[in-house]
Amino acid sequence: MGDDLIDGGQVRVENGRPDTEAVEKLTALYRQIKLNQLDEETIRCGLQLVLLKDVETDAIDANHQLTPDTIGFLVAYLASRVIHRDQLNLLDLTVGTGNLLTTVINQLAESNSVKINSFGVDNDDSMLAAANVVGTLQKHDIQLFHQDALDPLVMPKADLVVSDLPVGYYPLDEHAKQFKTAAQSGHSYVHHLLLEQAVNQLTPGGWGIFLVPSELFTSVEAKGLVEWIQTEAHLQGLLNLPTELFINKAARKAILMLQKKGGNAKQAGQVLLGEFPSFKDSNAVRQFTNQIDNWVAANIQK
């Protein structure tokens, strides 16, 4: 149906499906949709509701579910505070349906008036098909790549990488060995490898803002991850998300902020650490974001 809307409401029929009656019903429904009267964020939200219904109906695996808007807005907010460019290359290494990527694009375009060249990678072609619909209907020119995100990347270097990283083990042990964050034995954590790949793809001084497990630095492989970060990037921030967003404590995530060494990057005098208050308490959230703004002003060079 997304492809139908991209084609101006022309219903695609393959092997007699949908049948004539369904085509007539769909055509009537498509006529009611005035995409040119809707802004990008409204379109994104509408598509997200459709995809959320699909996630619920098909019991989609956790690593393939959409990044919630609340979290997406936080990532976009942090990006808007640390990125000061008229034009940038934006990459999502685990783009999925494109909801996080387009959330960041929309917010940066509105708050920072920045021209964005965007790229997305995923190894699931059905996810990429959805991302194409999500991006195209919002009139975003997103270049999508169907590949293992840990294979060599062919897009330009990125000034900003955002990713909701999958959690688990990477099955290709020999392939993982080329990364410094690979496990000493057995399978490596895929989120460690993706962090390294993302930083490798950044321009000097570029930023990576990632959703990671809140227990990232307490795992058995944390020592190697910390050593790699100290060599290649500045760990600028780690903010835990409210527990209310997650069904169980084990699934809790945090926002990790890395800045690649080089350019005008320097280690912040004080790493941004903390925990977002409950989003139900608007005053507490406002106070917390004010603290972040003050931290940026004191520690991040424009």
C-alpha atoms as a PDB file:
ATOM      1  CA  MET A   1       0.000   0.000   0.000  1.00  0.00           C
ATOM      2  CA  GLY A   2       2.929   2.298   0.659  1.00  0.00           C
ATOM      3  CA  ASP A   3       4.188   1.669  -2.854  1.00  0.00           C
ATOM      4  CA  ASP A   4       0.666   2.374  -4.136  1.00  0.00           C
ATOM      5  CA  LEU A   5       0.717   5.772  -2.425  1.00  0.00           C
ATOM      6  CA  ILE A   6       4.173   6.512  -3.841  1.00  0.00           C
ATOM      7  CA  ASP A   7       2.648   5.798  -7.292  1.00  0.00           C
ATOM      8  CA  GLY A   8      -0.056   8.403  -6.663  1.00  0.00           C
ATOM      9  CA  GLY A   9      -2.724   6.004  -5.441  1.00  0.00           C
ATOM     10  CA  GLN A  10      -2.450   3.549  -8.312  1.00  0.00           C
ATOM     11  CA  VAL A  11      -3.205   0.069  -6.932  1.00  0.00           C
ATOM     12  CA  ARG A  12      -0.626  -2.527  -7.911  1.00  0.00           C
ATOM     13  CA  VAL A  13      -2.125  -5.871  -8.968  1.00  0.00           C
ATOM     14  CA  GLU A  14       0.004  -9.021  -9.206  1.00  0.00           C
ATOM     15  CA  ASN A  15      -1.349 -12.463 -10.084  1.00  0.00           C
ATOM     16  CA  GLY A  16      -4.895 -11.251  -9.654  1.00  0.00           C
ATOM     17  CA  ARG A  17      -4.341  -9.883  -6.170  1.00  0.00           C
ATOM     18  CA  PRO A  18      -5.831  -7.767  -4.804  1.00  0.00           C
ATOM     19  CA  ASP A  19      -9.077  -8.681  -6.554  1.00  0.00           C
ATOM     20  CA  THR A  20     -11.317  -6.178  -8.344  1.00  0.00           C
ATOM     21  CA  GLU A  21     -13.488  -5.469  -5.307  1.00  0.00           C
ATOM     22  CA  ALA A  22     -10.447  -4.778  -3.111  1.00  0.00           C
ATOM     23  CA  VAL A  23      -8.923  -2.544  -5.814  1.00  0.00           C
ATOM     24  CA  GLU A  24     -12.081  -0.431  -5.858  1.00  0.00           C
ATOM     25  CA  LYS A  25     -12.101  -0.116  -2.061  1.00  0.00           C
ATOM     26  CA  LEU A  26      -8.407   0.769  -1.927  1.00  0.00           C
ATOM     27  CA  THR A  27      -8.728   3.316  -4.733  1.00  0.00           C
ATOM     28  CA  ALA A  28     -11.568   5.041  -2.861  1.00  0.00           C
ATOM     29  CA  LEU A  29      -9.494   5.123   0.316  1.00  0.00           C
ATOM     30  CA  TYR A  30      -6.395   6.431  -1.470  1.00  0.00           C
ATOM     31  CA  ARG A  31      -8.434   9.344  -2.885  1.00  0.00           C
ATOM     32  CA  GLN A  32      -9.083  10.504   0.676  1.00  0.00           C
ATOM     33  CA  ILE A  33      -5.360  10.750   1.457  1.00  0.00           C
ATOM     34  CA  LYS A  34      -3.893  14.172   0.621  1.00  0.00           C
ATOM     35  CA  LEU A  35      -0.200  13.653   1.268  1.00  0.00           C
ATOM     36  CA  ASN A  36       0.720  17.027  -0.211  1.00  0.00           C
ATOM     37  CA  GLN A  37      -1.320  18.671   2.554  1.00  0.00           C
ATOM     38  CA  LEU A  38       0.561  16.906   5.353  1.00  0.00           C
ATOM     39  CA  ASP A  39       3.966  17.745   6.800  1.00  0.00           C
ATOM     40  CA  GLU A  40       6.720  15.145   7.099  1.00  0.00           C
ATOM     41  CA  GLU A  41       6.230  14.535  10.814  1.00  0.00           C
ATOM     42  CA  THR A  42       2.495  13.892  10.435  1.00  0.00           C
ATOM     43  CA  ILE A  43       3.186  11.388   7.662  1.00  0.00           C
ATOM     44  CA  ARG A  44       5.868   9.689   9.762  1.00  0.00           C
ATOM     45  CA  CYS A  45       3.542   9.372  12.745  1.00  0.00           C
ATOM     46  CA  GLY A  46       0.764   7.911  10.608  1.00  0.00           C
ATOM     47  CA  LEU A  47       3.071   5.333   9.068  1.00  0.00           C
ATOM     48  CA  GLN A  48       4.454   4.487  12.499  1.00  0.00           C
ATOM     49  CA  LEU A  49       0.968   3.660  13.801  1.00  0.00           C
ATOM     50  CA  VAL A  50       0.468   1.280  10.878  1.00  0.00           C
ATOM     51  CA  LEU A  51       3.827  -0.386  11.532  1.00  0.00           C
ATOM     52  CA  LEU A  52       3.126  -0.648  15.269  1.00  0.00           C
ATOM     53  CA  LYS A  53      -0.086  -2.503  14.458  1.00  0.00           C
ATOM     54  CA  ASP A  54       1.941  -4.868  12.282  1.00  0.00           C
ATOM     55  CA  VAL A  55       4.472  -5.403  15.107  1.00  0.00           C
ATOM     56  CA  GLU A  56       1.623  -6.245  17.478  1.00  0.00           C
ATOM     57  CA  THR A  57      -0.195  -8.543  15.039  1.00  0.00           C
ATOM     58  CA  ASP A  58       2.870 -10.466  13.834  1.00  0.00           C
ATOM     59  CA  ALA A  59       4.693 -10.556  17.209  1.00  0.00           C
ATOM     60  CA  ILE A  60       7.855  -9.083  15.682  1.00  0.00           C
ATOM     61  CA  ASP A  61      11.198  -9.959  17.312  1.00  0.00           C
ATOM     62  CA  ALA A  62      12.444  -7.303  19.761  1.00  0.00           C
ATOM     63  CA  ASN A  63      15.481  -6.430  17.620  1.00  0.00           C
ATOM     64  CA  HIS A  64      13.163  -5.622  14.694  1.00  0.00           C
ATOM     65  CA  GLN A  65      10.692  -3.396  16.520  1.00  0.00           C
ATOM     66  CA  LEU A  66      10.406   0.349  16.038  1.00  0.00           C
ATOM     67  CA  THR A  67      12.340   2.782  18.189  1.00  0.00           C
ATOM     68  CA  PRO A  68       9.630   4.558  20.245  1.00  0.00           C
ATOM     69  CA  ASP A  69       9.029   8.221  19.452  1.00  0.00           C
ATOM     70  CA  THR A  70       9.937   9.299  22.963  1.00  0.00           C
ATOM     71  CA  ILE A  71      13.422   7.845  22.542  1.00  0.00           C
ATOM     72  CA  GLY A  72      13.734   9.040  18.962  1.00  0.00           C
ATOM     73  CA  PHE A  73      13.013  12.607  20.028  1.00  0.00           C
ATOM     74  CA  LEU A  74      15.684  12.379  22.739  1.00  0.00           C
ATOM     75  CA  VAL A  75      18.280  11.182  20.234  1.00  0.00           C
ATOM     76  CA  ALA A  76      17.282  14.004  17.886  1.00  0.00           C
ATOM     77  CA  TYR A  77      17.400  16.540  20.723  1.00  0.00           C
ATOM     78  CA  LEU A  78      20.929  15.479  21.728  1.00  0.00           C
ATOM     79  CA  ALA A  79      22.053  15.564  18.094  1.00  0.00           C
ATOM     80  CA  SER A  80      20.675  19.077  17.676  1.00  0.00           C
ATOM     81  CA  ARG A  81      22.737  20.246  20.649  1.00  0.00           C
ATOM     82  CA  VAL A  82      26.102  18.855  19.578  1.00  0.00           C
ATOM     83  CA  ILE A  83      25.907  19.141  15.779  1.00  0.00           C
ATOM     84  CA  HIS A  84      26.523  22.614  14.376  1.00  0.00           C
ATOM     85  CA  ARG A  85      26.716  22.317  10.596  1.00  0.00           C
ATOM     86  CA  ASP A  86      24.845  23.718   7.612  1.00  0.00           C
ATOM     87  CA  GLN A  87      25.116  20.353   5.884  1.00  0.00           C
ATOM     88  CA  LEU A  88      25.859  16.861   7.149  1.00  0.00           C
ATOM     89  CA  ASN A  89      25.925  13.208   6.221  1.00  0.00           C
ATOM     90  CA  LEU A  90      23.695  11.174   8.533  1.00  0.00           C
ATOM     91  CA  LEU A  91      23.916   7.386   8.815  1.00  0.00           C
ATOM     92  CA  ASP A  92      21.862   4.721  10.585  1.00  0.00           C
ATOM     93  CA  LEU A  93      23.687   1.374  10.517  1.00  0.00           C
ATOM     94  CA  THR A  94      20.598  -0.520  11.720  1.00  0.00           C
ATOM     95  CA  VAL A  95      17.948   1.490   9.925  1.00  0.00           C
ATOM     96  CA  GLY A  96      15.090  -1.042  10.157  1.00  0.00           C
ATOM     97  CA  THR A  97      11.868   0.674   9.049  1.00  0.00           C
ATOM     98  CA  GLY A  98      13.529   4.095   9.126  1.00  0.00           C
ATOM     99  CA  ASN A  99      11.502   5.500  12.028  1.00  0.00           C
ATOM    100  CA  LEU A 100      14.487   6.638  14.123  1.00  0.00           C
ATOM    101  CA  LEU A 101      16.347   7.991  11.104  1.00  0.00           C
ATOM    102  CA  THR A 102      13.422  10.062   9.818  1.00  0.00           C
ATOM    103  CA  THR A 103      12.624  11.294  13.333  1.00  0.00           C
ATOM    104  CA  VAL A 104      16.156  12.709  13.557  1.00  0.00           C
ATOM    105  CA  ILE A 105      16.002  14.125  10.021  1.00  0.00           C
ATOM    106  CA  ASN A 106      12.720  15.915  10.734  1.00  0.00           C
ATOM    107  CA  GLN A 107      13.851  17.340  14.068  1.00  0.00           C
ATOM    108  CA  LEU A 108      17.261  18.513  12.819  1.00  0.00           C
ATOM    109  CA  ALA A 109      15.736  20.106   9.743  1.00  0.00           C
ATOM    110  CA  GLU A 110      13.283  21.994  11.954  1.00  0.00           C
ATOM    111  CA  SER A 111      15.559  22.986  14.845  1.00  0.00           C
ATOM    112  CA  ASN A 112      18.912  23.458  13.101  1.00  0.00           C
ATOM    113  CA  SER A 113      17.852  24.187   9.501  1.00  0.00           C
ATOM    114  CA  VAL A 114      20.501  21.784   8.281  1.00  0.00           C
ATOM    115  CA  LYS A 115      20.683  20.133   4.862  1.00  0.00           C
ATOM    116  CA  ILE A 116      20.979  16.392   5.406  1.00  0.00           C
ATOM    117  CA  ASN A 117      22.288  13.612   3.173  1.00  0.00           C
ATOM    118  CA  SER A 118      21.031  10.425   4.791  1.00  0.00           C
ATOM    119  CA  PHE A 119      21.998   6.777   4.508  1.00  0.00           C
ATOM    120  CA  GLY A 120      20.607   3.589   6.008  1.00  0.00           C
ATOM    121  CA  VAL A 121      21.891   0.014   6.225  1.00  0.00           C
ATOM    122  CA  ASP A 122      20.035  -3.199   7.049  1.00  0.00           C
ATOM    123  CA  ASN A 123      20.369  -6.878   6.186  1.00  0.00           C
ATOM    124  CA  ASP A 124      16.584  -7.422   6.118  1.00  0.00           C
ATOM    125  CA  ASP A 125      15.096  -6.573   2.735  1.00  0.00           C
ATOM    126  CA  SER A 126      11.537  -6.368   4.070  1.00  0.00           C
ATOM    127  CA  MET A 127      12.655  -3.789   6.649  1.00  0.00           C
ATOM    128  CA  LEU A 128      14.411  -1.805   3.920  1.00  0.00           C
ATOM    129  CA  ALA A 129      11.260  -1.914   1.781  1.00  0.00           C
ATOM    130  CA  ALA A 130       9.361  -0.359   4.687  1.00  0.00           C
ATOM    131  CA  ALA A 131      12.136   2.210   5.216  1.00  0.00           C
ATOM    132  CA  ASN A 132      11.933   3.153   1.546  1.00  0.00           C
ATOM    133  CA  VAL A 133       8.198   3.789   1.869  1.00  0.00           C
ATOM    134  CA  VAL A 134       8.645   5.729   5.117  1.00  0.00           C
ATOM    135  CA  GLY A 135      11.382   7.905   3.632  1.00  0.00           C
ATOM    136  CA  THR A 136       9.867   8.435   0.185  1.00  0.00           C
ATOM    137  CA  LEU A 137       6.403   9.413   1.457  1.00  0.00           C
ATOM    138  CA  GLN A 138       8.109  12.047   3.643  1.00  0.00           C
ATOM    139  CA  LYS A 139      10.041  13.234   0.566  1.00  0.00           C
ATOM    140  CA  HIS A 140      13.384  12.363   2.125  1.00  0.00           C
ATOM    141  CA  ASP A 141      16.120  11.197  -0.234  1.00  0.00           C
ATOM    142  CA  ILE A 142      17.537   8.335   1.829  1.00  0.00           C
ATOM    143  CA  GLN A 143      20.075   6.022   0.215  1.00  0.00           C
ATOM    144  CA  LEU A 144      19.443   2.515   1.525  1.00  0.00           C
ATOM    145  CA  PHE A 145      21.940  -0.358   1.443  1.00  0.00           C
ATOM    146  CA  HIS A 146      20.961  -4.029   1.764  1.00  0.00           C
ATOM    147  CA  GLN A 147      23.965  -5.632   3.439  1.00  0.00           C
ATOM    148  CA  ASP A 148      25.508  -6.833   6.654  1.00  0.00           C
ATOM    149  CA  ALA A 149      26.357  -3.574   8.461  1.00  0.00           C
ATOM    150  CA  LEU A 150      29.697  -5.101   9.471  1.00  0.00           C
ATOM    151  CA  ASP A 151      30.772  -5.604   5.855  1.00  0.00           C
ATOM    152  CA  PRO A 152      32.744  -2.793   4.137  1.00  0.00           C
ATOM    153  CA  LEU A 153      30.627   0.343   3.715  1.00  0.00           C
ATOM    154  CA  VAL A 154      30.548   2.230   0.427  1.00  0.00           C
ATOM    155  CA  MET A 155      28.685   5.415   1.367  1.00  0.00           C
ATOM    156  CA  PRO A 156      30.548   8.655   2.200  1.00  0.00           C
ATOM    157  CA  LYS A 157      31.897   9.182   5.702  1.00  0.00           C
ATOM    158  CA  ALA A 158      29.243  10.362   8.153  1.00  0.00           C
ATOM    159  CA  ASP A 159      29.228  13.433  10.382  1.00  0.00           C
ATOM    160  CA  LEU A 160      26.549  11.850  12.574  1.00  0.00           C
ATOM    161  CA  VAL A 161      25.601   8.230  13.167  1.00  0.00           C
ATOM    162  CA  VAL A 162      22.416   7.315  15.038  1.00  0.00           C
ATOM    163  CA  SER A 163      21.451   3.699  15.687  1.00  0.00           C
ATOM    164  CA  ASP A 164      19.205   1.647  17.938  1.00  0.00           C
ATOM    165  CA  LEU A 165      21.685  -1.193  18.229  1.00  0.00           C
ATOM    166  CA  PRO A 166      20.509  -4.811  18.268  1.00  0.00           C
ATOM    167  CA  VAL A 167      21.632  -6.729  21.330  1.00  0.00           C
ATOM    168  CA  GLY A 168      23.120 -10.198  21.116  1.00  0.00           C
ATOM    169  CA  TYR A 169      25.915 -12.198  19.558  1.00  0.00           C
ATOM    170  CA  TYR A 170      27.303 -11.912  16.045  1.00  0.00           C
ATOM    171  CA  PRO A 171      27.423 -15.419  14.536  1.00  0.00           C
ATOM    172  CA  LEU A 172      30.335 -15.001  12.109  1.00  0.00           C
ATOM    173  CA  ASP A 173      33.349 -15.415  14.365  1.00  0.00           C
ATOM    174  CA  GLU A 174      35.987 -15.194  11.627  1.00  0.00           C
ATOM    175  CA  HIS A 175      34.479 -11.994  10.275  1.00  0.00           C
ATOM    176  CA  ALA A 176      34.316 -10.497  13.777  1.00  0.00           C
ATOM    177  CA  LYS A 177      38.061 -11.009  14.316  1.00  0.00           C
ATOM    178  CA  GLN A 178      38.886  -8.029  12.086  1.00  0.00           C
ATOM    179  CA  PHE A 179      37.372  -5.746  14.750  1.00  0.00           C
ATOM    180  CA  LYS A 180      39.245  -4.627  17.852  1.00  0.00           C
ATOM    181  CA  THR A 181      36.084  -5.094  19.942  1.00  0.00           C
ATOM    182  CA  ALA A 182      35.802  -8.800  19.038  1.00  0.00           C
ATOM    183  CA  ALA A 183      35.614 -11.259  21.927  1.00  0.00           C
ATOM    184  CA  GLN A 184      38.789 -13.067  22.915  1.00  0.00           C
ATOM    185  CA  SER A 185      36.939 -16.370  22.461  1.00  0.00           C
ATOM    186  CA  GLY A 186      33.495 -17.431  21.290  1.00  0.00           C
ATOM    187  CA  HIS A 187      30.924 -15.154  19.730  1.00  0.00           C
ATOM    188  CA  SER A 188      31.343 -11.375  19.908  1.00  0.00           C
ATOM    189  CA  TYR A 189      28.664  -8.924  20.952  1.00  0.00           C
ATOM    190  CA  VAL A 190      27.114  -7.465  17.808  1.00  0.00           C
ATOM    191  CA  HIS A 191      26.472  -4.120  19.512  1.00  0.00           C
ATOM    192  CA  HIS A 192      30.196  -3.801  20.327  1.00  0.00           C
ATOM    193  CA  LEU A 193      31.166  -4.510  16.724  1.00  0.00           C
ATOM    194  CA  LEU A 194      28.577  -2.048  15.403  1.00  0.00           C
ATOM    195  CA  LEU A 195      29.884   0.692  17.688  1.00  0.00           C
ATOM    196  CA  GLU A 196      33.342   0.180  16.218  1.00  0.00           C
ATOM    197  CA  GLN A 197      32.047   0.106  12.655  1.00  0.00           C
ATOM    198  CA  ALA A 198      30.083   3.309  13.269  1.00  0.00           C
ATOM    199  CA  VAL A 199      33.051   5.212  14.687  1.00  0.00           C
ATOM    200  CA  ASN A 200      35.233   3.975  11.813  1.00  0.00           C
ATOM    201  CA  GLN A 201      32.693   5.484   9.417  1.00  0.00           C
ATOM    202  CA  LEU A 202      32.625   8.888  11.154  1.00  0.00           C
ATOM    203  CA  THR A 203      34.561  11.921  10.011  1.00  0.00           C
ATOM    204  CA  PRO A 204      37.115  13.270  12.538  1.00  0.00           C
ATOM    205  CA  GLY A 205      35.150  15.002  15.288  1.00  0.00           C
ATOM    206  CA  GLY A 206      31.926  13.337  14.127  1.00  0.00           C
ATOM    207  CA  TRP A 207      29.315  12.131  16.603  1.00  0.00           C
ATOM    208  CA  GLY A 208      27.673   8.786  17.253  1.00  0.00           C
ATOM    209  CA  ILE A 209      24.482   8.660  19.335  1.00  0.00           C
ATOM    210  CA  PHE A 210      23.423   5.105  20.089  1.00  0.00           C
ATOM    211  CA  LEU A 211      20.800   3.200  22.005  1.00  0.00           C
ATOM    212  CA  VAL A 212      22.695   0.548  23.941  1.00  0.00           C
ATOM    213  CA  PRO A 213      21.995  -1.826  26.856  1.00  0.00           C
ATOM    214  CA  SER A 214      22.138   0.105  30.128  1.00  0.00           C
ATOM    215  CA  GLU A 215      24.535  -2.579  31.408  1.00  0.00           C
ATOM    216  CA  LEU A 216      26.926  -1.991  28.493  1.00  0.00           C
ATOM    217  CA  PHE A 217      29.985  -1.422  30.670  1.00  0.00           C
ATOM    218  CA  THR A 218      29.351  -4.237  33.148  1.00  0.00           C
ATOM    219  CA  SER A 219      29.486  -7.194  30.740  1.00  0.00           C
ATOM    220  CA  VAL A 220      32.383  -9.650  30.592  1.00  0.00           C
ATOM    221  CA  GLU A 221      33.605  -8.000  27.365  1.00  0.00           C
ATOM    222  CA  ALA A 222      33.365  -4.437  28.719  1.00  0.00           C
ATOM    223  CA  LYS A 223      37.124  -4.101  29.332  1.00  0.00           C
ATOM    224  CA  GLY A 224      37.982  -4.524  25.671  1.00  0.00           C
ATOM    225  CA  LEU A 225      35.208  -2.118  24.657  1.00  0.00           C
ATOM    226  CA  VAL A 226      36.470   0.570  27.039  1.00  0.00           C
ATOM    227  CA  GLU A 227      40.049   0.166  25.786  1.00  0.00           C
ATOM    228  CA  TRP A 228      38.885   0.569  22.189  1.00  0.00           C
ATOM    229  CA  ILE A 229      36.816   3.672  23.009  1.00  0.00           C
ATOM    230  CA  GLN A 230      39.788   5.269  24.761  1.00  0.00           C
ATOM    231  CA  THR A 231      41.867   4.752  21.629  1.00  0.00           C
ATOM    232  CA  GLU A 232      39.415   5.889  18.952  1.00  0.00           C
ATOM    233  CA  ALA A 233      36.794   8.165  20.498  1.00  0.00           C
ATOM    234  CA  HIS A 234      35.794  10.418  23.367  1.00  0.00           C
ATOM    235  CA  LEU A 235      33.088   8.997  25.589  1.00  0.00           C
ATOM    236  CA  GLN A 236      31.078  12.177  26.045  1.00  0.00           C
ATOM    237  CA  GLY A 237      27.828  10.936  27.548  1.00  0.00           C
ATOM    238  CA  LEU A 238      25.844   7.994  28.905  1.00  0.00           C
ATOM    239  CA  LEU A 239      22.244   8.669  29.892  1.00  0.00           C
ATOM    240  CA  ASN A 240      19.985   5.955  31.248  1.00  0.00           C
ATOM    241  CA  LEU A 241      16.406   5.974  30.025  1.00  0.00           C
ATOM    242  CA  PRO A 242      13.506   5.763  32.497  1.00  0.00           C
ATOM    243  CA  THR A 243      12.669   2.241  33.654  1.00  0.00           C
ATOM    244  CA  GLU A 244       8.998   2.893  32.832  1.00  0.00           C
ATOM    245  CA  LEU A 245       9.803   2.585  29.121  1.00  0.00           C
ATOM    246  CA  PHE A 246      10.796  -1.073  29.435  1.00  0.00           C
ATOM    247  CA  ILE A 247       8.849  -4.184  30.339  1.00  0.00           C
ATOM    248  CA  ASN A 248      11.679  -5.617  32.400  1.00  0.00           C
ATOM    249  CA  LYS A 249      14.946  -4.310  33.840  1.00  0.00           C
ATOM    250  CA  ALA A 250      17.065  -6.560  31.622  1.00  0.00           C
ATOM    251  CA  ALA A 251      15.698  -4.813  28.527  1.00  0.00           C
ATOM    252  CA  ARG A 252      16.534  -1.330  29.787  1.00  0.00           C
ATOM    253  CA  LYS A 253      18.570   0.883  27.464  1.00  0.00           C
ATOM    254  CA  ALA A 254      20.709   3.974  27.662  1.00  0.00           C
ATOM    255  CA  ILE A 255      21.854   6.625  25.197  1.00  0.00           C
ATOM    256  CA  LEU A 256      25.589   6.503  24.522  1.00  0.00           C
ATOM    257  CA  MET A 257      27.320   9.553  23.027  1.00  0.00           C
ATOM    258  CA  LEU A 258      30.696   9.032  21.348  1.00  0.00           C
ATOM    259  CA  GLN A 259      32.734  11.616  19.468  1.00  0.00           C
ATOM    260  CA  LYS A 260      35.427  10.420  17.121  1.00  0.00           C
ATOM    261  CA  LYS A 261      38.870  11.792  17.902  1.00  0.00           C
ATOM    262  CA  GLY A 262      40.307  14.353  15.527  1.00  0.00           C
ATOM    263  CA  GLY A 263      39.122  17.645  14.108  1.00  0.00           C
ATOM    264  CA  ASN A 264      38.146  20.023  16.888  1.00  0.00           C
ATOM    265  CA  ALA A 265      36.988  17.213  19.190  1.00  0.00           C
ATOM    266  CA  LYS A 266      38.186  17.093  22.754  1.00  0.00           C
ATOM    267  CA  GLN A 267      37.206  15.103  25.796  1.00  0.00           C
ATOM    268  CA  ALA A 268      34.547  16.865  27.830  1.00  0.00           C
ATOM    269  CA  GLY A 269      35.804  18.069  31.195  1.00  0.00           C
ATOM    270  CA  GLN A 270      32.934  16.140  32.737  1.00  0.00           C
ATOM    271  CA  VAL A 271      31.250  13.202  31.029  1.00  0.00           C
ATOM    272  CA  LEU A 272      27.488  13.688  30.729  1.00  0.00           C
ATOM    273  CA  LEU A 273      26.102  11.062  33.082  1.00  0.00           C
ATOM    274  CA  GLY A 274      22.631  10.709  34.506  1.00  0.00           C
ATOM    275  CA  GLU A 275      19.198   9.236  34.178  1.00  0.00           C
ATOM    276  CA  PHE A 276      16.283  10.821  32.424  1.00  0.00           C
ATOM    277  CA  PRO A 277      13.426  11.422  34.863  1.00  0.00           C
ATOM    278  CA  SER A 278       9.982   9.989  34.238  1.00  0.00           C
ATOM    279  CA  PHE A 279       8.502  11.537  31.110  1.00  0.00           C
ATOM    280  CA  LYS A 280       5.273  11.920  33.051  1.00  0.00           C
ATOM    281  CA  ASP A 281       6.971  14.652  35.108  1.00  0.00           C
ATOM    282  CA  SER A 282       7.325  17.507  32.612  1.00  0.00           C
ATOM    283  CA  ASN A 283       8.993  19.863  35.093  1.00  0.00           C
ATOM    284  CA  ALA A 284      11.686  17.315  35.943  1.00  0.00           C
ATOM    285  CA  VAL A 285      12.298  16.623  32.247  1.00  0.00           C
ATOM    286  CA  ARG A 286      12.617  20.355  31.554  1.00  0.00           C
ATOM    287  CA  GLN A 287      15.112  20.757  34.386  1.00  0.00           C
ATOM    288  CA  PHE A 288      17.124  17.788  33.119  1.00  0.00           C
ATOM    289  CA  THR A 289      17.288  19.093  29.547  1.00  0.00           C
ATOM    290  CA  ASN A 290      18.385  22.479  30.912  1.00  0.00           C
ATOM    291  CA  GLN A 291      21.250  20.682  32.657  1.00  0.00           C
ATOM    292  CA  ILE A 292      22.173  19.037  29.343  1.00  0.00           C
ATOM    293  CA  ASP A 293      22.130  22.423  27.593  1.00  0.00           C
ATOM    294  CA  ASN A 294      24.433  23.824  30.273  1.00  0.00           C
ATOM    295  CA  TRP A 295      26.750  20.830  29.901  1.00  0.00           C
ATOM    296  CA  VAL A 296      26.924  21.328  26.126  1.00  0.00           C
ATOM    297  CA  ALA A 297      27.695  25.032  26.539  1.00  0.00           C
ATOM    298  CA  ALA A 298      30.507  24.261  28.988  1.00  0.00           C
ATOM    299  CA  ASN A 299      32.047  21.224  27.315  1.00  0.00           C
ATOM    300  CA  ILE A 300      31.353  20.964  23.583  1.00  0.00           C
ATOM    301  CA  GLN A 301      33.224  23.163  21.146  1.00  0.00           C
ATOM    302  CA  LYS A 302      31.192  24.444  18.193  1.00  0.00           C
END
